[in-house]
Amino acid sequence: MKKNLIITIILIILGTTVYYLFLKRTPYNIASNIAGFKVSTSLPVEQFQDNWSNNPGGDGESFILFSLQESEKEKLVNDCKINNYKPLPIKDILPDNFIYRYVKKENQSGFYKLYKDKKDERNYQITVLNLHDNKLIVYNVIY
Protein backbone atom coordinates (compact mmCIF):
# COMPACT_ATOMS: atom_id res chain seq x y z
CA MET A 1 0.00 0.00 0.00
CA LYS A 2 2.75 2.44 0.95
CA LYS A 3 4.67 1.53 -2.21
CA ASN A 4 1.64 2.33 -4.42
CA LEU A 5 1.19 5.69 -2.71
CA ILE A 6 4.84 6.62 -3.31
CA ILE A 7 4.61 5.60 -6.99
CA THR A 8 1.41 7.64 -7.39
CA ILE A 9 2.99 10.74 -5.82
CA ILE A 10 6.08 10.42 -8.04
CA LEU A 11 3.88 10.11 -11.17
CA ILE A 12 1.86 13.18 -10.17
CA ILE A 13 5.02 15.24 -9.60
CA LEU A 14 6.53 14.02 -12.87
CA GLY A 15 3.33 14.76 -14.80
CA THR A 16 3.04 18.24 -13.32
CA THR A 17 6.67 19.00 -14.13
CA VAL A 18 6.29 17.86 -17.77
CA TYR A 19 3.12 19.94 -18.15
CA TYR A 20 4.65 23.16 -16.84
CA LEU A 21 7.95 22.74 -18.67
CA PHE A 22 6.75 21.54 -22.06
CA LEU A 23 2.99 21.68 -22.60
CA LYS A 24 1.62 24.82 -20.96
CA ARG A 25 0.55 27.54 -23.37
CA THR A 26 2.57 30.63 -22.57
CA PRO A 27 2.68 33.89 -24.55
CA TYR A 28 6.25 33.06 -25.57
CA ASN A 29 5.66 29.56 -26.95
CA ILE A 30 2.44 30.61 -28.72
CA ALA A 31 4.18 33.62 -30.28
CA SER A 32 7.22 31.56 -31.27
CA ASN A 33 5.03 29.00 -33.05
CA ILE A 34 3.08 31.64 -34.98
CA ALA A 35 6.01 33.97 -35.71
CA GLY A 36 8.29 31.21 -36.95
CA PHE A 37 11.19 32.24 -34.72
CA LYS A 38 12.03 32.13 -31.01
CA VAL A 39 10.45 35.03 -29.12
CA SER A 40 12.73 35.92 -26.23
CA THR A 41 11.32 35.73 -22.72
CA SER A 42 13.07 39.04 -22.04
CA LEU A 43 10.33 40.87 -23.99
CA PRO A 44 7.69 42.16 -21.58
CA VAL A 45 4.12 41.06 -22.31
CA GLU A 46 1.73 44.03 -22.36
CA GLN A 47 -1.40 42.06 -23.26
CA PHE A 48 -2.18 38.37 -23.53
CA GLN A 49 -5.52 36.87 -24.53
CA ASP A 50 -5.89 33.18 -25.29
CA ASN A 51 -9.60 32.49 -25.67
CA TRP A 52 -10.74 29.22 -27.24
CA SER A 53 -14.13 27.50 -27.13
CA ASN A 54 -14.44 23.89 -26.09
CA ASN A 55 -16.26 22.77 -29.23
CA PRO A 56 -14.53 20.38 -31.67
CA GLY A 57 -14.00 23.19 -34.21
CA GLY A 58 -11.67 24.99 -31.80
CA ASP A 59 -13.04 28.47 -32.49
CA GLY A 60 -11.20 31.27 -30.76
CA GLU A 61 -8.29 33.63 -30.82
CA SER A 62 -4.87 34.37 -29.36
CA PHE A 63 -3.55 37.90 -29.12
CA ILE A 64 -0.18 38.83 -27.69
CA LEU A 65 1.34 42.29 -27.50
CA PHE A 66 5.00 42.56 -26.51
CA SER A 67 7.04 45.67 -25.78
CA LEU A 68 10.35 45.77 -27.62
CA GLN A 69 13.60 46.21 -25.80
CA GLU A 70 16.17 48.27 -27.70
CA SER A 71 18.66 45.42 -27.32
CA GLU A 72 16.25 42.98 -29.05
CA LYS A 73 15.35 45.09 -32.11
CA GLU A 74 18.25 44.07 -34.34
CA LYS A 75 17.72 40.37 -33.63
CA LEU A 76 13.99 40.63 -34.32
CA VAL A 77 14.57 42.50 -37.59
CA ASN A 78 17.03 39.79 -38.67
CA ASP A 79 14.55 37.06 -37.67
CA CYS A 80 11.86 38.75 -39.77
CA LYS A 81 14.16 39.01 -42.80
CA ILE A 82 15.28 35.36 -42.49
CA ASN A 83 11.62 34.26 -42.32
CA ASN A 84 10.59 36.29 -45.41
CA TYR A 85 8.44 38.83 -43.63
CA LYS A 86 7.09 41.65 -45.80
CA PRO A 87 7.85 45.31 -45.05
CA LEU A 88 5.09 47.46 -43.58
CA PRO A 89 2.60 48.88 -44.46
CA ILE A 90 0.29 45.87 -44.63
CA LYS A 91 -0.68 45.52 -48.28
CA ASP A 92 -2.71 42.32 -47.95
CA ILE A 93 -6.46 42.43 -47.44
CA LEU A 94 -7.29 41.32 -43.91
CA PRO A 95 -10.60 39.63 -43.01
CA ASP A 96 -11.14 42.12 -40.17
CA ASN A 97 -9.67 45.33 -38.80
CA PHE A 98 -8.52 43.98 -35.43
CA ILE A 99 -4.79 44.44 -36.06
CA TYR A 100 -5.27 48.08 -37.04
CA ARG A 101 -6.02 48.90 -33.41
CA TYR A 102 -2.29 48.30 -32.85
CA VAL A 103 -0.71 49.21 -36.19
CA LYS A 104 -1.63 52.30 -38.18
CA LYS A 105 -2.39 51.54 -41.83
CA GLU A 106 0.21 54.10 -42.95
CA ASN A 107 2.96 52.74 -40.65
CA GLN A 108 6.01 51.97 -42.81
CA SER A 109 8.49 51.06 -40.09
CA GLY A 110 8.56 47.32 -39.52
CA PHE A 111 7.66 43.94 -40.94
CA TYR A 112 4.75 41.53 -41.04
CA LYS A 113 3.89 37.95 -41.93
CA LEU A 114 0.36 36.89 -42.77
CA TYR A 115 -1.07 33.41 -43.19
CA LYS A 116 -4.69 32.96 -44.31
CA ASP A 117 -6.46 29.62 -44.20
CA LYS A 118 -7.19 28.52 -47.77
CA LYS A 119 -10.54 26.93 -46.82
CA ASP A 120 -11.84 29.82 -44.71
CA GLU A 121 -10.08 33.17 -45.15
CA ARG A 122 -11.63 34.47 -41.92
CA ASN A 123 -9.09 32.22 -40.18
CA TYR A 124 -5.68 33.84 -40.18
CA GLN A 125 -2.43 34.43 -38.33
CA ILE A 126 -0.46 37.64 -38.43
CA THR A 127 2.76 38.69 -36.77
CA VAL A 128 3.79 42.36 -36.91
CA LEU A 129 7.09 43.85 -35.84
CA ASN A 130 6.11 47.50 -35.36
CA LEU A 131 9.34 49.47 -35.09
CA HIS A 132 7.51 52.80 -34.99
CA ASP A 133 5.77 51.95 -31.68
CA ASN A 134 8.33 49.35 -30.49
CA LYS A 135 5.84 46.47 -30.37
CA LEU A 136 5.71 42.86 -31.48
CA ILE A 137 2.13 41.84 -32.20
CA VAL A 138 0.97 38.26 -32.67
CA TYR A 139 -2.64 37.44 -33.56
CA ASN A 140 -4.30 34.14 -34.47
CA VAL A 141 -8.04 33.69 -35.06
CA ILE A 142 -10.12 30.65 -36.07
CA TYR A 143 -13.88 30.81 -36.73
C-alpha atoms as a PDB file:
ATOM      1  CA  MET A   1       0.000   0.000   0.000  1.00  0.00           C
ATOM      2  CA  LYS A   2       2.749   2.441   0.953  1.00  0.00           C
ATOM      3  CA  LYS A   3       4.673   1.534  -2.208  1.00  0.00           C
ATOM      4  CA  ASN A   4       1.641   2.330  -4.425  1.00  0.00           C
ATOM      5  CA  LEU A   5       1.195   5.694  -2.714  1.00  0.00           C
ATOM      6  CA  ILE A   6       4.842   6.623  -3.306  1.00  0.00           C
ATOM      7  CA  ILE A   7       4.615   5.598  -6.986  1.00  0.00           C
ATOM      8  CA  THR A   8       1.407   7.644  -7.390  1.00  0.00           C
ATOM      9  CA  ILE A   9       2.990  10.738  -5.819  1.00  0.00           C
ATOM     10  CA  ILE A  10       6.076  10.415  -8.043  1.00  0.00           C
ATOM     11  CA  LEU A  11       3.878  10.107 -11.168  1.00  0.00           C
ATOM     12  CA  ILE A  12       1.858  13.181 -10.166  1.00  0.00           C
ATOM     13  CA  ILE A  13       5.022  15.238  -9.597  1.00  0.00           C
ATOM     14  CA  LEU A  14       6.533  14.021 -12.870  1.00  0.00           C
ATOM     15  CA  GLY A  15       3.331  14.756 -14.803  1.00  0.00           C
ATOM     16  CA  THR A  16       3.039  18.237 -13.320  1.00  0.00           C
ATOM     17  CA  THR A  17       6.673  18.997 -14.132  1.00  0.00           C
ATOM     18  CA  VAL A  18       6.295  17.861 -17.765  1.00  0.00           C
ATOM     19  CA  TYR A  19       3.119  19.943 -18.145  1.00  0.00           C
ATOM     20  CA  TYR A  20       4.648  23.157 -16.837  1.00  0.00           C
ATOM     21  CA  LEU A  21       7.949  22.743 -18.672  1.00  0.00           C
ATOM     22  CA  PHE A  22       6.748  21.537 -22.061  1.00  0.00           C
ATOM     23  CA  LEU A  23       2.994  21.678 -22.599  1.00  0.00           C
ATOM     24  CA  LYS A  24       1.625  24.821 -20.956  1.00  0.00           C
ATOM     25  CA  ARG A  25       0.549  27.543 -23.366  1.00  0.00           C
ATOM     26  CA  THR A  26       2.570  30.631 -22.573  1.00  0.00           C
ATOM     27  CA  PRO A  27       2.681  33.885 -24.553  1.00  0.00           C
ATOM     28  CA  TYR A  28       6.248  33.058 -25.566  1.00  0.00           C
ATOM     29  CA  ASN A  29       5.664  29.565 -26.946  1.00  0.00           C
ATOM     30  CA  ILE A  30       2.440  30.608 -28.719  1.00  0.00           C
ATOM     31  CA  ALA A  31       4.177  33.620 -30.279  1.00  0.00           C
ATOM     32  CA  SER A  32       7.221  31.564 -31.273  1.00  0.00           C
ATOM     33  CA  ASN A  33       5.031  29.001 -33.049  1.00  0.00           C
ATOM     34  CA  ILE A  34       3.082  31.635 -34.976  1.00  0.00           C
ATOM     35  CA  ALA A  35       6.013  33.966 -35.708  1.00  0.00           C
ATOM     36  CA  GLY A  36       8.290  31.215 -36.951  1.00  0.00           C
ATOM     37  CA  PHE A  37      11.193  32.241 -34.724  1.00  0.00           C
ATOM     38  CA  LYS A  38      12.030  32.135 -31.009  1.00  0.00           C
ATOM     39  CA  VAL A  39      10.449  35.031 -29.124  1.00  0.00           C
ATOM     40  CA  SER A  40      12.727  35.920 -26.232  1.00  0.00           C
ATOM     41  CA  THR A  41      11.321  35.731 -22.722  1.00  0.00           C
ATOM     42  CA  SER A  42      13.068  39.039 -22.044  1.00  0.00           C
ATOM     43  CA  LEU A  43      10.334  40.865 -23.994  1.00  0.00           C
ATOM     44  CA  PRO A  44       7.694  42.161 -21.583  1.00  0.00           C
ATOM     45  CA  VAL A  45       4.120  41.058 -22.313  1.00  0.00           C
ATOM     46  CA  GLU A  46       1.728  44.034 -22.359  1.00  0.00           C
ATOM     47  CA  GLN A  47      -1.401  42.060 -23.263  1.00  0.00           C
ATOM     48  CA  PHE A  48      -2.180  38.370 -23.527  1.00  0.00           C
ATOM     49  CA  GLN A  49      -5.520  36.869 -24.531  1.00  0.00           C
ATOM     50  CA  ASP A  50      -5.886  33.177 -25.292  1.00  0.00           C
ATOM     51  CA  ASN A  51      -9.602  32.486 -25.674  1.00  0.00           C
ATOM     52  CA  TRP A  52     -10.745  29.223 -27.240  1.00  0.00           C
ATOM     53  CA  SER A  53     -14.133  27.501 -27.133  1.00  0.00           C
ATOM     54  CA  ASN A  54     -14.437  23.887 -26.088  1.00  0.00           C
ATOM     55  CA  ASN A  55     -16.257  22.769 -29.233  1.00  0.00           C
ATOM     56  CA  PRO A  56     -14.534  20.380 -31.667  1.00  0.00           C
ATOM     57  CA  GLY A  57     -14.001  23.193 -34.207  1.00  0.00           C
ATOM     58  CA  GLY A  58     -11.674  24.994 -31.801  1.00  0.00           C
ATOM     59  CA  ASP A  59     -13.041  28.469 -32.492  1.00  0.00           C
ATOM     60  CA  GLY A  60     -11.198  31.267 -30.760  1.00  0.00           C
ATOM     61  CA  GLU A  61      -8.288  33.629 -30.816  1.00  0.00           C
ATOM     62  CA  SER A  62      -4.874  34.366 -29.361  1.00  0.00           C
ATOM     63  CA  PHE A  63      -3.554  37.904 -29.124  1.00  0.00           C
ATOM     64  CA  ILE A  64      -0.179  38.827 -27.687  1.00  0.00           C
ATOM     65  CA  LEU A  65       1.337  42.293 -27.499  1.00  0.00           C
ATOM     66  CA  PHE A  66       4.999  42.556 -26.512  1.00  0.00           C
ATOM     67  CA  SER A  67       7.045  45.670 -25.778  1.00  0.00           C
ATOM     68  CA  LEU A  68      10.348  45.766 -27.623  1.00  0.00           C
ATOM     69  CA  GLN A  69      13.603  46.206 -25.802  1.00  0.00           C
ATOM     70  CA  GLU A  70      16.173  48.269 -27.697  1.00  0.00           C
ATOM     71  CA  SER A  71      18.660  45.421 -27.322  1.00  0.00           C
ATOM     72  CA  GLU A  72      16.251  42.982 -29.051  1.00  0.00           C
ATOM     73  CA  LYS A  73      15.351  45.087 -32.109  1.00  0.00           C
ATOM     74  CA  GLU A  74      18.252  44.069 -34.342  1.00  0.00           C
ATOM     75  CA  LYS A  75      17.723  40.368 -33.625  1.00  0.00           C
ATOM     76  CA  LEU A  76      13.986  40.635 -34.319  1.00  0.00           C
ATOM     77  CA  VAL A  77      14.574  42.503 -37.592  1.00  0.00           C
ATOM     78  CA  ASN A  78      17.033  39.790 -38.669  1.00  0.00           C
ATOM     79  CA  ASP A  79      14.551  37.058 -37.666  1.00  0.00           C
ATOM     80  CA  CYS A  80      11.864  38.755 -39.775  1.00  0.00           C
ATOM     81  CA  LYS A  81      14.160  39.008 -42.797  1.00  0.00           C
ATOM     82  CA  ILE A  82      15.282  35.364 -42.489  1.00  0.00           C
ATOM     83  CA  ASN A  83      11.617  34.264 -42.319  1.00  0.00           C
ATOM     84  CA  ASN A  84      10.592  36.293 -45.406  1.00  0.00           C
ATOM     85  CA  TYR A  85       8.439  38.835 -43.634  1.00  0.00           C
ATOM     86  CA  LYS A  86       7.094  41.650 -45.800  1.00  0.00           C
ATOM     87  CA  PRO A  87       7.854  45.311 -45.052  1.00  0.00           C
ATOM     88  CA  LEU A  88       5.095  47.457 -43.585  1.00  0.00           C
ATOM     89  CA  PRO A  89       2.598  48.878 -44.459  1.00  0.00           C
ATOM     90  CA  ILE A  90       0.288  45.874 -44.634  1.00  0.00           C
ATOM     91  CA  LYS A  91      -0.684  45.522 -48.283  1.00  0.00           C
ATOM     92  CA  ASP A  92      -2.711  42.318 -47.954  1.00  0.00           C
ATOM     93  CA  ILE A  93      -6.459  42.430 -47.439  1.00  0.00           C
ATOM     94  CA  LEU A  94      -7.291  41.316 -43.908  1.00  0.00           C
ATOM     95  CA  PRO A  95     -10.596  39.626 -43.008  1.00  0.00           C
ATOM     96  CA  ASP A  96     -11.142  42.118 -40.166  1.00  0.00           C
ATOM     97  CA  ASN A  97      -9.667  45.331 -38.802  1.00  0.00           C
ATOM     98  CA  PHE A  98      -8.521  43.984 -35.425  1.00  0.00           C
ATOM     99  CA  ILE A  99      -4.795  44.435 -36.061  1.00  0.00           C
ATOM    100  CA  TYR A 100      -5.272  48.084 -37.044  1.00  0.00           C
ATOM    101  CA  ARG A 101      -6.015  48.895 -33.408  1.00  0.00           C
ATOM    102  CA  TYR A 102      -2.293  48.303 -32.847  1.00  0.00           C
ATOM    103  CA  VAL A 103      -0.705  49.209 -36.187  1.00  0.00           C
ATOM    104  CA  LYS A 104      -1.631  52.295 -38.184  1.00  0.00           C
ATOM    105  CA  LYS A 105      -2.385  51.541 -41.830  1.00  0.00           C
ATOM    106  CA  GLU A 106       0.208  54.100 -42.950  1.00  0.00           C
ATOM    107  CA  ASN A 107       2.957  52.740 -40.655  1.00  0.00           C
ATOM    108  CA  GLN A 108       6.013  51.968 -42.805  1.00  0.00           C
ATOM    109  CA  SER A 109       8.489  51.060 -40.088  1.00  0.00           C
ATOM    110  CA  GLY A 110       8.563  47.321 -39.521  1.00  0.00           C
ATOM    111  CA  PHE A 111       7.663  43.940 -40.945  1.00  0.00           C
ATOM    112  CA  TYR A 112       4.747  41.534 -41.036  1.00  0.00           C
ATOM    113  CA  LYS A 113       3.891  37.954 -41.933  1.00  0.00           C
ATOM    114  CA  LEU A 114       0.355  36.891 -42.771  1.00  0.00           C
ATOM    115  CA  TYR A 115      -1.070  33.409 -43.195  1.00  0.00           C
ATOM    116  CA  LYS A 116      -4.688  32.964 -44.310  1.00  0.00           C
ATOM    117  CA  ASP A 117      -6.458  29.621 -44.203  1.00  0.00           C
ATOM    118  CA  LYS A 118      -7.191  28.519 -47.774  1.00  0.00           C
ATOM    119  CA  LYS A 119     -10.536  26.933 -46.815  1.00  0.00           C
ATOM    120  CA  ASP A 120     -11.841  29.821 -44.710  1.00  0.00           C
ATOM    121  CA  GLU A 121     -10.084  33.170 -45.147  1.00  0.00           C
ATOM    122  CA  ARG A 122     -11.627  34.467 -41.918  1.00  0.00           C
ATOM    123  CA  ASN A 123      -9.090  32.223 -40.178  1.00  0.00           C
ATOM    124  CA  TYR A 124      -5.680  33.841 -40.179  1.00  0.00           C
ATOM    125  CA  GLN A 125      -2.432  34.432 -38.329  1.00  0.00           C
ATOM    126  CA  ILE A 126      -0.457  37.642 -38.429  1.00  0.00           C
ATOM    127  CA  THR A 127       2.765  38.690 -36.767  1.00  0.00           C
ATOM    128  CA  VAL A 128       3.789  42.356 -36.910  1.00  0.00           C
ATOM    129  CA  LEU A 129       7.092  43.853 -35.836  1.00  0.00           C
ATOM    130  CA  ASN A 130       6.109  47.500 -35.364  1.00  0.00           C
ATOM    131  CA  LEU A 131       9.344  49.474 -35.087  1.00  0.00           C
ATOM    132  CA  HIS A 132       7.507  52.802 -34.990  1.00  0.00           C
ATOM    133  CA  ASP A 133       5.775  51.951 -31.684  1.00  0.00           C
ATOM    134  CA  ASN A 134       8.326  49.355 -30.487  1.00  0.00           C
ATOM    135  CA  LYS A 135       5.844  46.472 -30.369  1.00  0.00           C
ATOM    136  CA  LEU A 136       5.714  42.859 -31.479  1.00  0.00           C
ATOM    137  CA  ILE A 137       2.132  41.840 -32.197  1.00  0.00           C
ATOM    138  CA  VAL A 138       0.968  38.257 -32.669  1.00  0.00           C
ATOM    139  CA  TYR A 139      -2.637  37.436 -33.556  1.00  0.00           C
ATOM    140  CA  ASN A 140      -4.299  34.137 -34.467  1.00  0.00           C
ATOM    141  CA  VAL A 141      -8.036  33.685 -35.057  1.00  0.00           C
ATOM    142  CA  ILE A 142     -10.117  30.653 -36.071  1.00  0.00           C
ATOM    143  CA  TYR A 143     -13.876  30.808 -36.727  1.00  0.00           C
END
